[in-house]
């Protein structure tokens, strides 16, 4: 039973005693006053311990999805030049001399360097899509430890090649440590898309 309820019972008992025993009425009234003061003190103390609640409830937080700037850029390029992605077939570009550059710490990979060949005889490659896979090979067993889809800008004239650098980036999580290779790194780099313009356009 709560203390406040018990004190109210005491008040009722004292009121009954005051009416039943007139000689002790002054004492009973004094006790009633003291009890009421105690009840007020208990109520005030209880109210101070309760957390304050606001009249207006704040709306639940809405999770904001990150803006995909790469998709936005691709859509903008497609609108500006719809034929650009059809001028060079994916089979007409290729990567060679692929190697990994070490990161700040030993065993870490920070950048992939490769030579990008444009085998088209007509068009200049302006953008290329790629799929990058990094494998860690230990005792002839290779395990994929990282993969990445992306689109990068380039300027490779017909039947020429350019060196490109691909930074390893994980956009899904911010606190992921850099890739560490425990054995031997095996880099797989595949072209997935192209964008091009006529060779005489500057």
Protein backbone atom coordinates (compact mmCIF):
# COMPACT_ATOMS: atom_id res chain seq x y z
CA UNK A 1 0.00 0.00 0.00
CA UNK A 2 1.29 3.44 -0.84
CA UNK A 3 2.35 5.85 1.91
CA UNK A 4 -0.13 8.50 0.74
CA UNK A 5 -3.07 6.10 1.05
CA UNK A 6 -1.98 5.03 4.51
CA UNK A 7 -1.79 8.64 5.65
CA UNK A 8 -5.30 9.32 4.36
CA UNK A 9 -6.53 6.34 6.40
CA UNK A 10 -4.86 7.85 9.46
CA UNK A 11 -6.66 11.15 8.77
CA UNK A 12 -10.03 9.40 8.60
CA UNK A 13 -9.32 7.58 11.87
CA UNK A 14 -8.37 10.83 13.59
CA UNK A 15 -11.52 12.54 12.31
CA UNK A 16 -13.62 9.68 13.70
CA UNK A 17 -11.84 9.92 17.06
CA UNK A 18 -12.43 13.68 17.14
CA UNK A 19 -16.17 13.13 16.85
CA UNK A 20 -16.32 10.16 19.21
CA UNK A 21 -14.16 11.69 21.93
CA UNK A 22 -14.82 15.44 22.24
CA UNK A 23 -12.29 15.80 25.08
CA UNK A 24 -9.42 14.78 22.80
CA UNK A 25 -10.75 16.75 19.80
CA UNK A 26 -8.02 19.42 19.97
CA UNK A 27 -5.34 16.75 19.95
CA UNK A 28 -7.03 14.93 17.08
CA UNK A 29 -7.30 18.12 15.00
CA UNK A 30 -3.62 18.85 15.56
CA UNK A 31 -2.72 15.33 14.48
CA UNK A 32 -4.95 15.69 11.42
CA UNK A 33 -3.14 18.90 10.44
CA UNK A 34 0.26 17.25 10.83
CA UNK A 35 -0.89 14.24 8.78
CA UNK A 36 -2.20 16.46 5.95
CA UNK A 37 1.13 18.30 5.86
CA UNK A 38 2.89 14.94 5.62
CA UNK A 39 0.58 13.90 2.75
CA UNK A 40 1.36 17.11 0.86
CA UNK A 41 5.09 16.51 1.37
CA UNK A 42 4.83 12.96 0.06
CA UNK A 43 2.88 14.10 -3.02
CA UNK A 44 5.36 16.89 -3.81
CA UNK A 45 8.33 14.54 -3.40
CA UNK A 46 6.72 11.99 -5.71
CA UNK A 47 6.01 14.64 -8.35
CA UNK A 48 9.63 15.82 -8.30
CA UNK A 49 10.85 12.28 -8.98
CA UNK A 50 8.63 11.84 -12.06
CA UNK A 51 10.14 12.71 -15.48
CA UNK A 52 8.61 15.69 -17.22
CA UNK A 53 6.54 14.89 -20.31
CA UNK A 54 6.03 17.35 -23.13
CA UNK A 55 2.57 18.07 -24.41
CA UNK A 56 3.67 17.55 -27.99
CA UNK A 57 5.30 14.30 -28.96
CA UNK A 58 8.23 14.67 -31.31
CA UNK A 59 7.75 12.80 -34.58
CA UNK A 60 9.85 9.65 -34.98
CA UNK A 61 13.16 10.16 -36.68
CA UNK A 62 13.11 9.22 -40.34
CA UNK A 63 16.17 7.37 -41.58
CA UNK A 64 17.68 9.30 -44.45
CA UNK A 65 19.13 7.29 -47.28
CA UNK A 66 22.44 8.51 -48.69
CA UNK A 67 22.24 10.28 -52.02
CA UNK A 68 23.62 8.15 -54.86
CA UNK A 69 25.61 10.81 -56.73
CA UNK A 70 26.99 8.22 -59.16
CA UNK A 71 23.49 7.23 -60.31
CA UNK A 72 22.54 10.89 -60.57
CA UNK A 73 25.59 11.55 -62.76
CA UNK A 74 24.82 8.59 -65.03
CA UNK A 75 21.23 9.73 -65.51
CA UNK A 76 22.42 13.23 -66.33
CA UNK A 77 24.92 11.91 -68.90
CA UNK A 78 22.28 9.68 -70.48
CA UNK A 79 19.95 12.63 -70.95
CA UNK A 80 22.70 14.82 -72.44
CA UNK A 81 23.92 12.16 -74.90
CA UNK A 82 21.71 9.05 -75.07
CA UNK A 83 23.90 7.34 -77.70
CA UNK A 84 27.14 7.64 -75.71
CA UNK A 85 26.70 4.30 -73.95
CA UNK A 86 26.21 2.44 -77.24
CA UNK A 87 29.17 3.68 -79.32
CA UNK A 88 31.77 1.33 -77.85
CA UNK A 89 30.91 -2.24 -76.95
CA UNK A 90 32.11 -3.49 -73.57
CA UNK A 91 34.17 -6.13 -75.38
CA UNK A 92 36.19 -3.35 -77.05
CA UNK A 93 37.80 -2.16 -73.82
CA UNK A 94 40.03 -4.19 -71.53
CA UNK A 95 42.34 -3.89 -68.52
CA UNK A 96 45.91 -5.12 -68.34
CA UNK A 97 48.99 -4.70 -66.13
CA UNK A 98 46.74 -4.71 -63.08
CA UNK A 99 48.47 -4.26 -59.75
CA UNK A 100 47.68 -3.17 -56.21
CA UNK A 101 49.43 -0.28 -54.51
CA UNK A 102 50.14 -0.64 -50.81
CA UNK A 103 48.31 1.51 -48.32
CA UNK A 104 49.68 3.37 -45.31
CA UNK A 105 50.22 0.15 -43.33
CA UNK A 106 51.97 -3.05 -44.30
CA UNK A 107 49.64 -5.54 -45.95
CA UNK A 108 46.99 -2.91 -46.69
CA UNK A 109 45.69 -2.08 -50.16
CA UNK A 110 44.66 1.46 -50.98
CA UNK A 111 44.64 1.81 -54.77
CA UNK A 112 44.43 -0.40 -57.85
CA UNK A 113 46.48 0.67 -60.89
CA UNK A 114 45.77 -0.72 -64.37
CA UNK A 115 46.22 0.07 -68.06
CA UNK A 116 42.92 0.63 -69.86
CA UNK A 117 42.84 -0.22 -73.57
CA UNK A 118 40.33 1.20 -76.03
CA UNK A 119 40.22 -1.13 -79.05
CA UNK A 120 37.54 0.89 -80.83
CA UNK A 121 38.87 2.27 -84.15
CA UNK A 122 36.41 5.18 -84.16
CA UNK A 123 35.39 6.50 -80.78
CA UNK A 124 37.12 8.05 -77.78
CA UNK A 125 36.31 6.38 -74.48
CA UNK A 126 35.06 8.98 -71.96
CA UNK A 127 33.71 6.83 -69.11
CA UNK A 128 34.01 3.19 -68.13
CA UNK A 129 32.10 1.03 -65.71
CA UNK A 130 33.97 -1.70 -63.88
CA UNK A 131 33.65 -4.54 -61.40
CA UNK A 132 36.64 -4.89 -59.10
CA UNK A 133 37.31 -8.01 -57.04
CA UNK A 134 40.16 -8.31 -54.52
CA UNK A 135 41.09 -11.80 -53.43
CA UNK A 136 43.44 -12.94 -50.67
CA UNK A 137 45.21 -16.14 -51.73
CA UNK A 138 46.63 -18.35 -48.97
CA UNK A 139 48.03 -21.81 -49.79
CA UNK A 140 46.47 -21.82 -53.27
CA UNK A 141 43.02 -20.96 -51.87
CA UNK A 142 41.74 -17.54 -52.97
CA UNK A 143 39.01 -15.80 -50.99
CA UNK A 144 37.27 -12.61 -52.05
CA UNK A 145 37.76 -9.97 -49.37
CA UNK A 146 36.40 -6.98 -51.29
CA UNK A 147 34.39 -6.15 -54.41
CA UNK A 148 33.25 -2.89 -55.92
CA UNK A 149 31.03 -1.69 -58.78
CA UNK A 150 31.57 1.85 -60.02
CA UNK A 151 31.83 4.25 -62.97
CA UNK A 152 34.91 6.39 -63.66
CA UNK A 153 35.81 9.07 -66.17
CA UNK A 154 38.57 8.57 -68.71
CA UNK A 155 39.87 9.94 -72.00
CA UNK A 156 41.24 7.15 -74.16
CA UNK A 157 41.43 7.84 -77.92
CA UNK A 158 40.73 5.08 -80.47
CA UNK A 159 43.26 2.22 -80.47
CA UNK A 160 45.16 3.72 -77.55
CA UNK A 161 45.59 3.01 -73.84
CA UNK A 162 45.83 5.05 -70.65
CA UNK A 163 46.84 4.19 -67.10
CA UNK A 164 44.00 4.50 -64.59
CA UNK A 165 43.90 4.49 -60.81
CA UNK A 166 40.95 3.02 -58.90
CA UNK A 167 40.60 3.94 -55.26
CA UNK A 168 39.16 1.25 -53.03
CA UNK A 169 36.18 2.66 -51.23
CA UNK A 170 33.44 1.05 -49.16
CA UNK A 171 30.37 3.31 -49.17
CA UNK A 172 28.13 0.92 -47.25
CA UNK A 173 29.85 1.33 -43.89
CA UNK A 174 32.06 4.13 -42.63
CA UNK A 175 33.99 2.27 -39.92
CA UNK A 176 35.31 -0.58 -42.08
CA UNK A 177 39.11 -0.86 -41.79
CA UNK A 178 41.25 -0.89 -44.94
CA UNK A 179 41.70 -4.19 -46.75
CA UNK A 180 44.53 -6.27 -45.34
CA UNK A 181 46.07 -9.08 -47.40
CA UNK A 182 47.42 -11.96 -45.32
CA UNK A 183 48.68 -14.00 -48.27
CA UNK A 184 48.99 -12.90 -51.91
CA UNK A 185 46.64 -10.40 -53.53
CA UNK A 186 44.81 -11.44 -56.69
CA UNK A 187 43.07 -8.56 -58.47
CA UNK A 188 40.22 -9.17 -60.93
CA UNK A 189 39.09 -6.13 -62.92
CA UNK A 190 36.30 -6.41 -65.49
CA UNK A 191 34.70 -3.75 -67.70
CA UNK A 192 30.92 -3.49 -67.33
CA UNK A 193 29.93 -0.35 -69.27
CA UNK A 194 31.26 2.28 -71.65
CA UNK A 195 30.55 5.83 -72.70
CA UNK A 196 32.16 7.38 -75.77
CA UNK A 197 32.13 10.25 -78.20
CA UNK A 198 33.45 10.68 -81.76
CA UNK A 199 37.23 11.05 -81.83
CA UNK A 200 37.10 14.50 -83.45
CA UNK A 201 34.96 16.03 -80.65
CA UNK A 202 36.90 18.10 -78.13
